[in-house]
N, C-alpha and C. Protein backbone atom coordinates (compact mmCIF):
# COMPACT_ATOMS: atom_id res chain seq x y z
N MET A 1 -15.56 37.49 21.45
CA MET A 1 -15.86 38.71 20.42
C MET A 1 -14.99 39.48 20.33
N ILE A 2 -15.50 39.98 19.22
CA ILE A 2 -14.27 40.96 18.91
C ILE A 2 -15.18 42.63 19.33
N TYR A 3 -14.09 43.67 19.71
CA TYR A 3 -15.21 45.00 19.71
C TYR A 3 -14.34 46.09 18.53
N GLU A 4 -14.57 47.04 18.13
CA GLU A 4 -14.12 47.99 17.46
C GLU A 4 -13.57 49.10 18.22
N LEU A 5 -11.96 49.34 17.81
CA LEU A 5 -11.62 50.58 18.06
C LEU A 5 -12.01 51.64 17.67
N TRP A 6 -11.97 52.70 18.35
CA TRP A 6 -11.95 53.86 17.86
C TRP A 6 -10.95 54.43 19.12
N ILE A 7 -9.61 55.77 18.27
CA ILE A 7 -9.40 56.68 19.04
C ILE A 7 -9.71 57.78 18.87
N GLU A 8 -10.10 58.67 19.82
CA GLU A 8 -10.82 59.78 19.73
C GLU A 8 -9.38 60.75 19.38
N LYS A 9 -9.27 61.78 18.49
CA LYS A 9 -8.71 62.78 17.89
C LYS A 9 -7.23 63.42 19.16
N VAL A 10 -7.99 63.89 20.34
CA VAL A 10 -6.88 64.32 21.35
C VAL A 10 -5.83 63.11 22.02
N ALA A 11 -7.08 61.45 22.13
CA ALA A 11 -5.93 60.69 22.31
C ALA A 11 -4.79 59.91 21.29
N GLU A 12 -5.18 60.69 19.60
CA GLU A 12 -4.33 59.94 19.06
C GLU A 12 -3.50 60.89 19.28
N ARG A 13 -3.19 62.38 19.76
CA ARG A 13 -2.45 63.23 20.26
C ARG A 13 -1.48 63.04 20.86
N ASP A 14 -2.47 61.74 22.48
CA ASP A 14 -1.63 61.49 23.38
C ASP A 14 -0.40 60.52 23.08
N ILE A 15 -1.03 59.69 21.79
CA ILE A 15 0.06 58.50 21.22
C ILE A 15 0.95 59.12 20.83
N GLU A 16 0.90 60.06 20.12
CA GLU A 16 1.88 60.19 18.91
C GLU A 16 3.07 60.92 20.28
N ALA A 17 3.12 61.89 21.37
CA ALA A 17 3.80 62.81 21.96
C ALA A 17 4.38 61.96 22.47
N LEU A 18 4.55 60.76 22.54
CA LEU A 18 5.28 59.22 23.08
C LEU A 18 6.37 58.99 22.76
N ASP A 19 7.52 59.19 23.42
CA ASP A 19 8.70 57.97 23.06
C ASP A 19 8.33 56.76 21.85
N ALA A 20 8.81 56.29 20.66
CA ALA A 20 8.98 55.23 20.56
C ALA A 20 8.72 53.85 21.37
N GLY A 21 9.46 53.63 22.10
CA GLY A 21 9.24 52.63 22.74
C GLY A 21 7.32 52.45 23.79
N ALA A 22 7.35 53.55 24.68
CA ALA A 22 5.76 54.03 24.77
C ALA A 22 4.65 53.57 24.02
N ARG A 23 4.82 54.64 22.79
CA ARG A 23 3.85 54.18 22.09
C ARG A 23 3.76 52.83 21.32
N GLY A 24 4.54 51.77 21.36
CA GLY A 24 4.55 50.66 20.96
C GLY A 24 3.84 49.87 21.89
N ARG A 25 4.73 50.36 23.31
CA ARG A 25 3.32 49.03 24.49
C ARG A 25 2.19 49.98 24.26
N VAL A 26 1.67 51.21 24.22
CA VAL A 26 0.53 51.31 24.62
C VAL A 26 0.03 51.01 22.97
N THR A 27 0.39 50.98 22.21
CA THR A 27 -0.32 50.28 20.88
C THR A 27 -0.65 49.12 20.93
N ASP A 28 0.31 48.20 21.53
CA ASP A 28 -0.32 46.88 21.76
C ASP A 28 -1.22 46.80 22.21
N ALA A 29 -0.82 47.33 23.39
CA ALA A 29 -2.40 47.08 24.64
C ALA A 29 -3.70 47.59 24.19
N ILE A 30 -3.29 48.65 22.93
CA ILE A 30 -5.39 49.06 22.47
C ILE A 30 -5.36 48.16 21.88
N ARG A 31 -4.51 47.39 21.03
CA ARG A 31 -4.79 46.36 20.20
C ARG A 31 -5.68 45.24 21.04
N ARG A 32 -5.18 44.79 22.03
CA ARG A 32 -5.63 44.14 23.60
C ARG A 32 -7.25 44.01 23.86
N LEU A 33 -7.14 45.33 23.87
CA LEU A 33 -8.31 46.03 24.42
C LEU A 33 -9.69 45.37 23.33
N ALA A 34 -9.46 45.33 22.05
CA ALA A 34 -10.34 44.55 21.36
C ALA A 34 -10.60 43.54 20.93
N THR A 35 -10.32 42.23 22.14
CA THR A 35 -10.54 41.09 22.16
C THR A 35 -10.60 40.72 23.82
N ASP A 36 -10.55 41.83 24.66
CA ASP A 36 -10.74 41.85 26.16
C ASP A 36 -11.09 42.86 26.82
N PRO A 37 -11.87 44.33 26.51
CA PRO A 37 -11.60 45.13 27.27
C PRO A 37 -11.94 45.44 28.42
N MET A 38 -12.38 44.27 29.15
CA MET A 38 -12.53 44.35 30.93
C MET A 38 -11.54 43.22 31.44
N GLY A 39 -10.34 42.73 30.93
CA GLY A 39 -9.58 41.80 30.58
C GLY A 39 -8.30 42.37 32.12
N ARG A 40 -7.52 41.41 32.41
CA ARG A 40 -6.36 41.38 33.75
C ARG A 40 -5.88 43.03 33.17
N GLY A 41 -5.45 44.25 34.46
CA GLY A 41 -4.82 45.44 34.23
C GLY A 41 -6.14 46.20 33.72
N THR A 42 -7.12 45.98 33.93
CA THR A 42 -7.96 47.29 34.07
C THR A 42 -8.99 47.12 35.16
N LYS A 43 -9.74 48.93 35.27
CA LYS A 43 -10.38 49.11 36.25
C LYS A 43 -11.06 50.33 35.59
N SER A 44 -12.78 49.62 36.30
CA SER A 44 -13.11 50.85 36.50
C SER A 44 -13.10 52.28 37.23
N LEU A 45 -13.42 53.17 36.11
CA LEU A 45 -12.46 54.40 36.94
C LEU A 45 -13.78 55.15 37.87
N SER A 46 -14.27 55.86 38.81
CA SER A 46 -15.00 56.65 39.87
C SER A 46 -15.58 57.88 39.61
N GLY A 47 -16.47 58.74 40.48
CA GLY A 47 -16.56 59.88 40.19
C GLY A 47 -17.30 59.92 39.09
N ASN A 48 -16.90 61.41 38.36
CA ASN A 48 -16.87 62.21 37.16
C ASN A 48 -16.56 61.41 36.61
N LEU A 49 -15.81 60.19 36.57
CA LEU A 49 -15.17 59.29 35.46
C LEU A 49 -15.80 58.19 35.19
N SER A 50 -17.14 57.67 35.91
CA SER A 50 -17.43 56.50 36.45
C SER A 50 -17.72 55.98 34.62
N SER A 51 -18.02 56.55 34.09
CA SER A 51 -18.54 56.20 32.77
C SER A 51 -17.25 55.11 31.80
N LEU A 52 -15.67 55.92 32.33
CA LEU A 52 -14.65 55.04 31.61
C LEU A 52 -13.74 53.81 32.49
N ARG A 53 -13.01 53.62 31.68
CA ARG A 53 -12.21 52.23 32.17
C ARG A 53 -11.00 53.03 32.10
N SER A 54 -9.80 52.07 32.80
CA SER A 54 -8.03 52.10 32.29
C SER A 54 -7.58 50.96 32.23
N LEU A 55 -7.02 51.16 31.22
CA LEU A 55 -5.75 50.32 31.04
C LEU A 55 -4.46 50.36 31.40
N ARG A 56 -3.48 50.00 32.62
CA ARG A 56 -2.07 50.41 32.91
C ARG A 56 -1.25 49.85 31.94
N VAL A 57 -0.58 50.78 31.50
CA VAL A 57 0.88 50.21 30.80
C VAL A 57 2.01 51.00 30.90
N GLY A 58 2.63 49.69 32.26
CA GLY A 58 3.59 50.94 33.23
C GLY A 58 3.15 51.61 33.60
N PRO A 59 3.89 52.74 33.77
CA PRO A 59 3.28 54.30 34.22
C PRO A 59 2.15 54.79 33.56
N LEU A 60 1.88 54.42 32.65
CA LEU A 60 0.22 55.33 31.87
C LEU A 60 -0.11 54.40 31.43
N ARG A 61 -1.61 54.97 31.40
CA ARG A 61 -2.48 54.64 32.01
C ARG A 61 -3.39 55.04 30.25
N VAL A 62 -4.52 54.38 29.82
CA VAL A 62 -5.04 53.70 28.32
C VAL A 62 -6.86 53.90 29.13
N CYS A 63 -7.18 55.07 28.70
CA CYS A 63 -8.59 55.63 29.35
C CYS A 63 -9.38 55.57 28.68
N TYR A 64 -10.56 54.77 28.47
CA TYR A 64 -11.41 54.28 27.25
C TYR A 64 -12.92 53.62 27.58
N GLU A 65 -13.79 53.62 26.55
CA GLU A 65 -15.40 53.78 26.97
C GLU A 65 -15.52 52.81 26.21
N ILE A 66 -16.48 51.67 26.81
CA ILE A 66 -17.04 50.62 26.03
C ILE A 66 -18.34 50.92 25.61
N ASP A 67 -19.27 50.43 24.79
CA ASP A 67 -20.30 50.59 24.30
C ASP A 67 -20.56 48.90 23.76
N GLN A 68 -21.30 48.52 24.92
CA GLN A 68 -21.63 46.85 24.52
C GLN A 68 -22.12 46.56 23.65
N ALA A 69 -23.06 47.77 23.48
CA ALA A 69 -24.34 47.25 22.19
C ALA A 69 -23.97 47.28 21.27
N ALA A 70 -22.62 48.43 20.79
CA ALA A 70 -22.10 48.73 19.53
C ALA A 70 -20.63 48.06 18.86
N ARG A 71 -20.48 47.42 20.40
CA ARG A 71 -19.67 46.22 20.44
C ARG A 71 -17.84 47.74 19.81
N ARG A 72 -17.58 47.97 20.94
CA ARG A 72 -16.84 49.28 20.37
C ARG A 72 -16.47 49.82 21.41
N VAL A 73 -15.00 50.63 21.52
CA VAL A 73 -13.77 50.81 22.40
C VAL A 73 -13.62 51.61 22.26
N THR A 74 -13.68 53.28 23.06
CA THR A 74 -13.34 54.20 22.18
C THR A 74 -12.32 54.47 23.31
N ILE A 75 -10.83 55.22 22.86
CA ILE A 75 -9.81 55.20 23.86
C ILE A 75 -9.97 56.84 23.56
N VAL A 76 -9.98 57.70 24.80
CA VAL A 76 -10.32 58.84 24.92
C VAL A 76 -9.19 59.52 25.74
N ALA A 77 -7.93 59.08 25.86
CA ALA A 77 -6.85 59.52 26.73
C ALA A 77 -5.49 58.54 26.79
N VAL A 78 -4.61 59.08 26.56
CA VAL A 78 -3.31 58.46 26.99
C VAL A 78 -2.16 59.42 28.01
N GLY A 79 -1.94 58.47 28.95
CA GLY A 79 -1.21 59.66 29.53
C GLY A 79 -0.26 58.92 30.84
N HIS A 80 0.42 59.89 31.44
CA HIS A 80 1.13 59.21 32.59
C HIS A 80 -0.05 59.43 33.46
N ARG A 81 -0.07 58.16 34.73
CA ARG A 81 -1.01 58.42 35.87
C ARG A 81 -1.21 58.67 36.43
N GLY A 82 -0.35 59.62 36.73
CA GLY A 82 -0.56 61.30 37.49
C GLY A 82 -1.10 62.23 36.85
N ARG A 83 -1.26 62.06 35.63
CA ARG A 83 -1.70 63.10 35.30
C ARG A 83 -3.13 62.80 34.35
N VAL A 84 -3.14 62.05 33.81
CA VAL A 84 -4.26 61.71 32.48
C VAL A 84 -6.08 61.57 33.02
N TYR A 85 -6.03 61.69 34.40
CA TYR A 85 -7.17 61.69 35.10
C TYR A 85 -7.74 63.48 35.10
N ALA A 86 -6.64 64.29 35.38
CA ALA A 86 -7.38 65.75 35.45
C ALA A 86 -7.35 65.84 33.88
N ASP A 87 -6.53 65.51 33.14
CA ASP A 87 -6.52 66.00 31.55
C ASP A 87 -7.87 65.70 31.11
N ILE A 88 -8.35 63.95 31.53
CA ILE A 88 -9.53 64.23 31.26
C ILE A 88 -10.68 65.05 31.26
N GLY A 89 -10.57 65.32 32.78
CA GLY A 89 -12.07 65.86 32.98
C GLY A 89 -10.93 67.89 32.60
N ARG A 90 -10.53 68.03 32.59
CA ARG A 90 -10.23 69.42 31.62
C ARG A 90 -10.81 68.88 30.04
N ARG A 91 -10.97 68.53 29.63
CA ARG A 91 -10.80 68.07 27.76
C ARG A 91 -12.53 68.27 27.87
N ARG A 92 -13.13 67.74 29.17
CA ARG A 92 -14.44 66.79 29.07
C ARG A 92 -15.08 68.75 29.75
N GLY A 93 -14.49 69.16 30.13
CA GLY A 93 -15.03 70.42 31.13
C GLY A 93 -16.10 69.92 32.61
N SER A 94 -14.92 69.16 33.68
CA SER A 94 -16.38 68.28 34.74
C SER A 94 -14.86 68.94 35.37
């Protein structure tokens, strides 16, 4: 089954801020989520972020939500593993 990919505007800006090499790796990883959003290299987040999953791309994380009913993956943030989770909390007011 193929999932539709949506990227929130703020996540688009996250991706645009990456260097060209990292941007390419992240873009490829996001495309793979369309066919297997719960596959290898992904994990469920916990606490206030429990509705999200993350995908490891080297030191970067792609954080996303899955809507099974709509068959949609929404990318909510992309960033360095040391900052991205706090960034999501700030963006969502948590």
